[in-house]
Amino acid sequence: MNSKRPFYILIFLLAFLAFGALVGGGAMIISPSGELLRMPLSNLGNSPFRSFLIPGIILFMVLGLMPTIIIFALLKKPEKKWFFVKVSG
């Protein structure tokens, strides 16, 4: 087995996570009513939020931007990959 294969799988999975979170979180930020994603505000019934703005910001920043930064860090310093993966976890 190629020793680089797990590294590239890790990069792919982080990119997949980041892409989905950036798109979903961005849509929540753009349309806090949930209309853009066709999500009713009733989904937030038992939460402390009255719109999707704050959850969208959290999704965008934590699960979108953080893995994107980690991808670039991994490409720059692959020897520290497990530290970065633990940080994202």
PDB file of N, CA and C in Angstrom:
ATOM      1  N   MET A   1       0.844  -1.187   0.000  1.00  0.00           N
ATOM      2  CA  MET A   1       0.000   0.000   0.000  1.00  0.00           C
ATOM      3  C   MET A   1       0.882   1.241   0.000  1.00  0.00           C
ATOM      4  N   ASN A   2       0.494   2.192  -0.779  1.00  0.00           N
ATOM      5  CA  ASN A   2       1.221   3.450  -0.870  1.00  0.00           C
ATOM      6  C   ASN A   2       1.138   4.184   0.463  1.00  0.00           C
ATOM      7  N   SER A   3       2.272   4.632   1.000  1.00  0.00           N
ATOM      8  CA  SER A   3       2.278   5.293   2.305  1.00  0.00           C
ATOM      9  C   SER A   3       1.633   6.676   2.258  1.00  0.00           C
ATOM     10  N   LYS A   4       1.478   7.251   1.075  1.00  0.00           N
ATOM     11  CA  LYS A   4       0.845   8.567   0.931  1.00  0.00           C
ATOM     12  C   LYS A   4      -0.676   8.469   0.826  1.00  0.00           C
ATOM     13  N   ARG A   5      -1.191   7.277   0.546  1.00  0.00           N
ATOM     14  CA  ARG A   5      -2.628   7.131   0.326  1.00  0.00           C
ATOM     15  C   ARG A   5      -3.468   7.584   1.531  1.00  0.00           C
ATOM     16  N   PRO A   6      -3.169   7.172   2.771  1.00  0.00           N
ATOM     17  CA  PRO A   6      -3.971   7.661   3.902  1.00  0.00           C
ATOM     18  C   PRO A   6      -3.929   9.184   4.045  1.00  0.00           C
ATOM     19  N   PHE A   7      -2.790   9.769   3.723  1.00  0.00           N
ATOM     20  CA  PHE A   7      -2.658  11.226   3.794  1.00  0.00           C
ATOM     21  C   PHE A   7      -3.617  11.897   2.808  1.00  0.00           C
ATOM     22  N   TYR A   8      -3.680  11.396   1.593  1.00  0.00           N
ATOM     23  CA  TYR A   8      -4.559  11.987   0.590  1.00  0.00           C
ATOM     24  C   TYR A   8      -6.035  11.715   0.892  1.00  0.00           C
ATOM     25  N   ILE A   9      -6.312  10.569   1.502  1.00  0.00           N
ATOM     26  CA  ILE A   9      -7.689  10.294   1.935  1.00  0.00           C
ATOM     27  C   ILE A   9      -8.084  11.288   3.017  1.00  0.00           C
ATOM     28  N   LEU A  10      -7.181  11.556   3.937  1.00  0.00           N
ATOM     29  CA  LEU A  10      -7.430  12.543   4.995  1.00  0.00           C
ATOM     30  C   LEU A  10      -7.704  13.920   4.407  1.00  0.00           C
ATOM     31  N   ILE A  11      -6.896  14.333   3.440  1.00  0.00           N
ATOM     32  CA  ILE A  11      -7.096  15.628   2.786  1.00  0.00           C
ATOM     33  C   ILE A  11      -8.461  15.661   2.100  1.00  0.00           C
ATOM     34  N   PHE A  12      -8.803  14.590   1.400  1.00  0.00           N
ATOM     35  CA  PHE A  12     -10.099  14.526   0.714  1.00  0.00           C
ATOM     36  C   PHE A  12     -11.256  14.635   1.700  1.00  0.00           C
ATOM     37  N   LEU A  13     -11.194  13.895   2.810  1.00  0.00           N
ATOM     38  CA  LEU A  13     -12.279  13.925   3.786  1.00  0.00           C
ATOM     39  C   LEU A  13     -12.403  15.301   4.446  1.00  0.00           C
ATOM     40  N   LEU A  14     -11.289  15.934   4.754  1.00  0.00           N
ATOM     41  CA  LEU A  14     -11.337  17.284   5.309  1.00  0.00           C
ATOM     42  C   LEU A  14     -11.928  18.264   4.301  1.00  0.00           C
ATOM     43  N   ALA A  15     -11.558  18.107   3.035  1.00  0.00           N
ATOM     44  CA  ALA A  15     -12.100  18.990   1.994  1.00  0.00           C
ATOM     45  C   ALA A  15     -13.602  18.766   1.818  1.00  0.00           C
ATOM     46  N   PHE A  16     -14.035  17.521   1.880  1.00  0.00           N
ATOM     47  CA  PHE A  16     -15.456  17.200   1.777  1.00  0.00           C
ATOM     48  C   PHE A  16     -16.234  17.833   2.923  1.00  0.00           C
ATOM     49  N   LEU A  17     -15.710  17.707   4.142  1.00  0.00           N
ATOM     50  CA  LEU A  17     -16.327  18.329   5.315  1.00  0.00           C
ATOM     51  C   LEU A  17     -16.380  19.840   5.163  1.00  0.00           C
ATOM     52  N   ALA A  18     -15.259  20.434   4.781  1.00  0.00           N
ATOM     53  CA  ALA A  18     -15.174  21.892   4.661  1.00  0.00           C
ATOM     54  C   ALA A  18     -16.125  22.413   3.595  1.00  0.00           C
ATOM     55  N   PHE A  19     -16.190  21.756   2.456  1.00  0.00           N
ATOM     56  CA  PHE A  19     -17.054  22.220   1.374  1.00  0.00           C
ATOM     57  C   PHE A  19     -18.519  22.229   1.806  1.00  0.00           C
ATOM     58  N   GLY A  20     -18.960  21.133   2.389  1.00  0.00           N
ATOM     59  CA  GLY A  20     -20.345  21.046   2.837  1.00  0.00           C
ATOM     60  C   GLY A  20     -20.686  22.079   3.899  1.00  0.00           C
ATOM     61  N   ALA A  21     -19.762  22.299   4.835  1.00  0.00           N
ATOM     62  CA  ALA A  21     -19.998  23.265   5.905  1.00  0.00           C
ATOM     63  C   ALA A  21     -19.952  24.699   5.389  1.00  0.00           C
ATOM     64  N   LEU A  22     -19.063  24.979   4.455  1.00  0.00           N
ATOM     65  CA  LEU A  22     -18.993  26.332   3.896  1.00  0.00           C
ATOM     66  C   LEU A  22     -20.253  26.650   3.098  1.00  0.00           C
ATOM     67  N   VAL A  23     -20.732  25.699   2.317  1.00  0.00           N
ATOM     68  CA  VAL A  23     -21.944  25.918   1.525  1.00  0.00           C
ATOM     69  C   VAL A  23     -23.165  26.008   2.445  1.00  0.00           C
ATOM     70  N   GLY A  24     -23.317  25.052   3.345  1.00  0.00           N
ATOM     71  CA  GLY A  24     -24.470  25.053   4.244  1.00  0.00           C
ATOM     72  C   GLY A  24     -24.467  26.222   5.205  1.00  0.00           C
ATOM     73  N   GLY A  25     -23.313  26.478   5.816  1.00  0.00           N
ATOM     74  CA  GLY A  25     -23.215  27.610   6.736  1.00  0.00           C
ATOM     75  C   GLY A  25     -23.397  28.932   6.018  1.00  0.00           C
ATOM     76  N   GLY A  26     -22.834  29.049   4.820  1.00  0.00           N
ATOM     77  CA  GLY A  26     -23.001  30.268   4.034  1.00  0.00           C
ATOM     78  C   GLY A  26     -24.458  30.508   3.676  1.00  0.00           C
ATOM     79  N   ALA A  27     -25.162  29.434   3.328  1.00  0.00           N
ATOM     80  CA  ALA A  27     -26.583  29.564   2.994  1.00  0.00           C
ATOM     81  C   ALA A  27     -27.391  29.990   4.219  1.00  0.00           C
ATOM     82  N   MET A  28     -27.021  29.486   5.393  1.00  0.00           N
ATOM     83  CA  MET A  28     -27.714  29.888   6.616  1.00  0.00           C
ATOM     84  C   MET A  28     -27.438  31.347   6.962  1.00  0.00           C
ATOM     85  N   ILE A  29     -26.235  31.809   6.690  1.00  0.00           N
ATOM     86  CA  ILE A  29     -25.879  33.207   6.969  1.00  0.00           C
ATOM     87  C   ILE A  29     -26.615  34.136   5.994  1.00  0.00           C
ATOM     88  N   ILE A  30     -26.642  33.743   4.736  1.00  0.00           N
ATOM     89  CA  ILE A  30     -27.309  34.562   3.716  1.00  0.00           C
ATOM     90  C   ILE A  30     -28.821  34.617   3.958  1.00  0.00           C
ATOM     91  N   SER A  31     -29.395  33.491   4.360  1.00  0.00           N
ATOM     92  CA  SER A  31     -30.844  33.410   4.575  1.00  0.00           C
ATOM     93  C   SER A  31     -31.131  32.833   5.967  1.00  0.00           C
ATOM     94  N   PRO A  32     -31.048  33.665   7.009  1.00  0.00           N
ATOM     95  CA  PRO A  32     -31.267  33.168   8.376  1.00  0.00           C
ATOM     96  C   PRO A  32     -32.667  32.601   8.620  1.00  0.00           C
ATOM     97  N   SER A  33     -33.597  32.888   7.740  1.00  0.00           N
ATOM     98  CA  SER A  33     -34.955  32.344   7.885  1.00  0.00           C
ATOM     99  C   SER A  33     -35.009  30.866   7.502  1.00  0.00           C
ATOM    100  N   GLY A  34     -33.966  30.362   6.849  1.00  0.00           N
ATOM    101  CA  GLY A  34     -33.929  28.981   6.405  1.00  0.00           C
ATOM    102  C   GLY A  34     -34.575  28.752   5.058  1.00  0.00           C
ATOM    103  N   GLU A  35     -35.079  29.826   4.456  1.00  0.00           N
ATOM    104  CA  GLU A  35     -35.794  29.709   3.181  1.00  0.00           C
ATOM    105  C   GLU A  35     -34.903  29.164   2.067  1.00  0.00           C
ATOM    106  N   LEU A  36     -33.650  29.595   2.031  1.00  0.00           N
ATOM    107  CA  LEU A  36     -32.738  29.168   0.972  1.00  0.00           C
ATOM    108  C   LEU A  36     -32.500  27.656   1.008  1.00  0.00           C
ATOM    109  N   LEU A  37     -32.416  27.098   2.200  1.00  0.00           N
ATOM    110  CA  LEU A  37     -32.209  25.653   2.346  1.00  0.00           C
ATOM    111  C   LEU A  37     -33.511  24.898   2.558  1.00  0.00           C
ATOM    112  N   ARG A  38     -34.625  25.620   2.488  1.00  0.00           N
ATOM    113  CA  ARG A  38     -35.955  25.033   2.682  1.00  0.00           C
ATOM    114  C   ARG A  38     -36.076  24.346   4.039  1.00  0.00           C
ATOM    115  N   MET A  39     -35.571  25.028   5.064  1.00  0.00           N
ATOM    116  CA  MET A  39     -35.680  24.524   6.430  1.00  0.00           C
ATOM    117  C   MET A  39     -36.579  25.469   7.217  1.00  0.00           C
ATOM    118  N   PRO A  40     -37.624  24.954   7.815  1.00  0.00           N
ATOM    119  CA  PRO A  40     -38.504  25.832   8.590  1.00  0.00           C
ATOM    120  C   PRO A  40     -37.860  26.233   9.917  1.00  0.00           C
ATOM    121  N   LEU A  41     -38.194  27.408  10.389  1.00  0.00           N
ATOM    122  CA  LEU A  41     -37.686  27.866  11.683  1.00  0.00           C
ATOM    123  C   LEU A  41     -38.167  26.983  12.821  1.00  0.00           C
ATOM    124  N   SER A  42     -39.199  26.198  12.583  1.00  0.00           N
ATOM    125  CA  SER A  42     -39.680  25.283  13.621  1.00  0.00           C
ATOM    126  C   SER A  42     -38.636  24.219  13.970  1.00  0.00           C
ATOM    127  N   ASN A  43     -37.655  24.013  13.092  1.00  0.00           N
ATOM    128  CA  ASN A  43     -36.555  23.091  13.406  1.00  0.00           C
ATOM    129  C   ASN A  43     -35.747  23.583  14.596  1.00  0.00           C
ATOM    130  N   LEU A  44     -35.826  24.862  14.884  1.00  0.00           N
ATOM    131  CA  LEU A  44     -35.087  25.455  15.998  1.00  0.00           C
ATOM    132  C   LEU A  44     -35.944  25.536  17.261  1.00  0.00           C
ATOM    133  N   GLY A  45     -37.073  24.837  17.277  1.00  0.00           N
ATOM    134  CA  GLY A  45     -38.044  24.942  18.356  1.00  0.00           C
ATOM    135  C   GLY A  45     -37.481  24.802  19.761  1.00  0.00           C
ATOM    136  N   ASN A  46     -36.646  23.820  20.023  1.00  0.00           N
ATOM    137  CA  ASN A  46     -36.101  23.583  21.365  1.00  0.00           C
ATOM    138  C   ASN A  46     -34.674  24.087  21.522  1.00  0.00           C
ATOM    139  N   SER A  47     -34.261  24.982  20.673  1.00  0.00           N
ATOM    140  CA  SER A  47     -32.901  25.523  20.758  1.00  0.00           C
ATOM    141  C   SER A  47     -32.954  26.976  21.222  1.00  0.00           C
ATOM    142  N   PRO A  48     -31.817  27.519  21.639  1.00  0.00           N
ATOM    143  CA  PRO A  48     -31.810  28.924  22.077  1.00  0.00           C
ATOM    144  C   PRO A  48     -31.783  29.923  20.912  1.00  0.00           C
ATOM    145  N   PHE A  49     -31.837  29.450  19.690  1.00  0.00           N
ATOM    146  CA  PHE A  49     -31.725  30.325  18.525  1.00  0.00           C
ATOM    147  C   PHE A  49     -33.088  30.637  17.927  1.00  0.00           C
ATOM    148  N   ARG A  50     -33.254  31.872  17.462  1.00  0.00           N
ATOM    149  CA  ARG A  50     -34.512  32.278  16.827  1.00  0.00           C
ATOM    150  C   ARG A  50     -34.402  32.286  15.304  1.00  0.00           C
ATOM    151  N   SER A  51     -33.174  32.185  14.796  1.00  0.00           N
ATOM    152  CA  SER A  51     -32.948  32.098  13.354  1.00  0.00           C
ATOM    153  C   SER A  51     -31.737  31.198  13.133  1.00  0.00           C
ATOM    154  N   PHE A  52     -31.425  30.958  11.869  1.00  0.00           N
ATOM    155  CA  PHE A  52     -30.293  30.098  11.533  1.00  0.00           C
ATOM    156  C   PHE A  52     -28.982  30.878  11.418  1.00  0.00           C
ATOM    157  N   LEU A  53     -28.968  32.155  11.771  1.00  0.00           N
ATOM    158  CA  LEU A  53     -27.761  32.969  11.619  1.00  0.00           C
ATOM    159  C   LEU A  53     -26.609  32.462  12.488  1.00  0.00           C
ATOM    160  N   ILE A  54     -26.813  32.338  13.787  1.00  0.00           N
ATOM    161  CA  ILE A  54     -25.734  31.902  14.685  1.00  0.00           C
ATOM    162  C   ILE A  54     -25.314  30.461  14.378  1.00  0.00           C
ATOM    163  N   PRO A  55     -26.245  29.511  14.217  1.00  0.00           N
ATOM    164  CA  PRO A  55     -25.808  28.167  13.821  1.00  0.00           C
ATOM    165  C   PRO A  55     -25.046  28.168  12.489  1.00  0.00           C
ATOM    166  N   GLY A  56     -25.451  29.048  11.569  1.00  0.00           N
ATOM    167  CA  GLY A  56     -24.753  29.149  10.287  1.00  0.00           C
ATOM    168  C   GLY A  56     -23.337  29.663  10.442  1.00  0.00           C
ATOM    169  N   ILE A  57     -23.162  30.654  11.306  1.00  0.00           N
ATOM    170  CA  ILE A  57     -21.817  31.195  11.563  1.00  0.00           C
ATOM    171  C   ILE A  57     -20.937  30.124  12.200  1.00  0.00           C
ATOM    172  N   ILE A  58     -21.496  29.397  13.164  1.00  0.00           N
ATOM    173  CA  ILE A  58     -20.730  28.328  13.821  1.00  0.00           C
ATOM    174  C   ILE A  58     -20.353  27.245  12.813  1.00  0.00           C
ATOM    175  N   LEU A  59     -21.311  26.826  12.012  1.00  0.00           N
ATOM    176  CA  LEU A  59     -21.047  25.809  10.996  1.00  0.00           C
ATOM    177  C   LEU A  59     -19.980  26.281  10.009  1.00  0.00           C
ATOM    178  N   PHE A  60     -20.120  27.503   9.536  1.00  0.00           N
ATOM    179  CA  PHE A  60     -19.184  28.067   8.568  1.00  0.00           C
ATOM    180  C   PHE A  60     -17.773  28.156   9.145  1.00  0.00           C
ATOM    181  N   MET A  61     -17.658  28.673  10.358  1.00  0.00           N
ATOM    182  CA  MET A  61     -16.338  28.899  10.949  1.00  0.00           C
ATOM    183  C   MET A  61     -15.682  27.604  11.440  1.00  0.00           C
ATOM    184  N   VAL A  62     -16.403  26.843  12.260  1.00  0.00           N
ATOM    185  CA  VAL A  62     -15.804  25.682  12.928  1.00  0.00           C
ATOM    186  C   VAL A  62     -15.645  24.490  11.996  1.00  0.00           C
ATOM    187  N   LEU A  63     -16.665  24.176  11.227  1.00  0.00           N
ATOM    188  CA  LEU A  63     -16.595  22.999  10.364  1.00  0.00           C
ATOM    189  C   LEU A  63     -16.285  23.336   8.917  1.00  0.00           C
ATOM    190  N   GLY A  64     -16.197  24.622   8.595  1.00  0.00           N
ATOM    191  CA  GLY A  64     -15.868  25.042   7.239  1.00  0.00           C
ATOM    192  C   GLY A  64     -14.470  25.629   7.130  1.00  0.00           C
ATOM    193  N   LEU A  65     -14.252  26.728   7.833  1.00  0.00           N
ATOM    194  CA  LEU A  65     -12.946  27.396   7.740  1.00  0.00           C
ATOM    195  C   LEU A  65     -11.830  26.622   8.432  1.00  0.00           C
ATOM    196  N   MET A  66     -12.125  26.045   9.602  1.00  0.00           N
ATOM    197  CA  MET A  66     -11.069  25.341  10.327  1.00  0.00           C
ATOM    198  C   MET A  66     -10.488  24.170   9.523  1.00  0.00           C
ATOM    199  N   PRO A  67     -11.304  23.272   8.945  1.00  0.00           N
ATOM    200  CA  PRO A  67     -10.711  22.215   8.120  1.00  0.00           C
ATOM    201  C   PRO A  67      -9.974  22.752   6.887  1.00  0.00           C
ATOM    202  N   THR A  68     -10.440  23.870   6.336  1.00  0.00           N
ATOM    203  CA  THR A  68      -9.751  24.466   5.188  1.00  0.00           C
ATOM    204  C   THR A  68      -8.358  24.921   5.598  1.00  0.00           C
ATOM    205  N   ILE A  69      -8.250  25.563   6.734  1.00  0.00           N
ATOM    206  CA  ILE A  69      -6.943  25.994   7.248  1.00  0.00           C
ATOM    207  C   ILE A  69      -6.068  24.786   7.536  1.00  0.00           C
ATOM    208  N   ILE A  70      -6.667  23.740   8.099  1.00  0.00           N
ATOM    209  CA  ILE A  70      -5.911  22.526   8.406  1.00  0.00           C
ATOM    210  C   ILE A  70      -5.399  21.860   7.136  1.00  0.00           C
ATOM    211  N   ILE A  71      -6.171  21.877   6.071  1.00  0.00           N
ATOM    212  CA  ILE A  71      -5.718  21.310   4.792  1.00  0.00           C
ATOM    213  C   ILE A  71      -4.448  22.026   4.332  1.00  0.00           C
ATOM    214  N   PHE A  72      -4.474  23.347   4.356  1.00  0.00           N
ATOM    215  CA  PHE A  72      -3.288  24.095   3.925  1.00  0.00           C
ATOM    216  C   PHE A  72      -2.106  23.846   4.853  1.00  0.00           C
ATOM    217  N   ALA A  73      -2.369  23.732   6.143  1.00  0.00           N
ATOM    218  CA  ALA A  73      -1.295  23.443   7.098  1.00  0.00           C
ATOM    219  C   ALA A  73      -0.715  22.049   6.846  1.00  0.00           C
ATOM    220  N   LEU A  74      -1.573  21.079   6.571  1.00  0.00           N
ATOM    221  CA  LEU A  74      -1.099  19.723   6.280  1.00  0.00           C
ATOM    222  C   LEU A  74      -0.259  19.687   5.014  1.00  0.00           C
ATOM    223  N   LEU A  75      -0.662  20.435   4.018  1.00  0.00           N
ATOM    224  CA  LEU A  75       0.108  20.447   2.776  1.00  0.00           C
ATOM    225  C   LEU A  75       1.465  21.116   2.969  1.00  0.00           C
ATOM    226  N   LYS A  76       1.530  22.039   3.922  1.00  0.00           N
ATOM    227  CA  LYS A  76       2.788  22.728   4.185  1.00  0.00           C
ATOM    228  C   LYS A  76       3.696  21.909   5.108  1.00  0.00           C
ATOM    229  N   LYS A  77       3.112  21.314   6.162  1.00  0.00           N
ATOM    230  CA  LYS A  77       3.887  20.538   7.133  1.00  0.00           C
ATOM    231  C   LYS A  77       3.216  19.196   7.390  1.00  0.00           C
ATOM    232  N   PRO A  78       3.341  18.255   6.459  1.00  0.00           N
ATOM    233  CA  PRO A  78       2.648  16.972   6.617  1.00  0.00           C
ATOM    234  C   PRO A  78       3.131  16.152   7.811  1.00  0.00           C
ATOM    235  N   GLU A  79       4.317  16.418   8.321  1.00  0.00           N
ATOM    236  CA  GLU A  79       4.817  15.644   9.464  1.00  0.00           C
ATOM    237  C   GLU A  79       4.023  15.917  10.740  1.00  0.00           C
ATOM    238  N   LYS A  80       3.273  17.004  10.765  1.00  0.00           N
ATOM    239  CA  LYS A  80       2.457  17.329  11.936  1.00  0.00           C
ATOM    240  C   LYS A  80       0.996  16.990  11.721  1.00  0.00           C
ATOM    241  N   LYS A  81       0.710  16.071  10.807  1.00  0.00           N
ATOM    242  CA  LYS A  81      -0.667  15.813  10.411  1.00  0.00           C
ATOM    243  C   LYS A  81      -1.560  15.357  11.556  1.00  0.00           C
ATOM    244  N   TRP A  82      -1.065  14.524  12.452  1.00  0.00           N
ATOM    245  CA  TRP A  82      -1.950  14.020  13.502  1.00  0.00           C
ATOM    246  C   TRP A  82      -2.305  15.114  14.498  1.00  0.00           C
ATOM    247  N   PHE A  83      -1.416  16.059  14.726  1.00  0.00           N
ATOM    248  CA  PHE A  83      -1.752  17.191  15.585  1.00  0.00           C
ATOM    249  C   PHE A  83      -2.914  17.979  14.981  1.00  0.00           C
ATOM    250  N   PHE A  84      -2.827  18.271  13.703  1.00  0.00           N
ATOM    251  CA  PHE A  84      -3.872  19.046  13.029  1.00  0.00           C
ATOM    252  C   PHE A  84      -5.196  18.290  12.996  1.00  0.00           C
ATOM    253  N   VAL A  85      -5.128  16.982  12.789  1.00  0.00           N
ATOM    254  CA  VAL A  85      -6.348  16.175  12.758  1.00  0.00           C
ATOM    255  C   VAL A  85      -6.994  16.158  14.144  1.00  0.00           C
ATOM    256  N   LYS A  86      -6.201  16.061  15.187  1.00  0.00           N
ATOM    257  CA  LYS A  86      -6.748  16.110  16.546  1.00  0.00           C
ATOM    258  C   LYS A  86      -7.393  17.459  16.831  1.00  0.00           C
ATOM    259  N   VAL A  87      -6.789  18.531  16.343  1.00  0.00           N
ATOM    260  CA  VAL A  87      -7.365  19.852  16.533  1.00  0.00           C
ATOM    261  C   VAL A  87      -8.717  19.931  15.837  1.00  0.00           C
ATOM    262  N   SER A  88      -8.823  19.395  14.626  1.00  0.00           N
ATOM    263  CA  SER A  88     -10.104  19.447  13.910  1.00  0.00           C
ATOM    264  C   SER A  88     -11.148  18.564  14.576  1.00  0.00           C
ATOM    265  N   GLY A  89     -10.720  17.495  15.220  1.00  0.00           N
ATOM    266  CA  GLY A  89     -11.666  16.604  15.890  1.00  0.00           C
ATOM    267  C   GLY A  89     -12.233  17.234  17.113  1.00  0.00           C
TER     268      GLY A  89
END
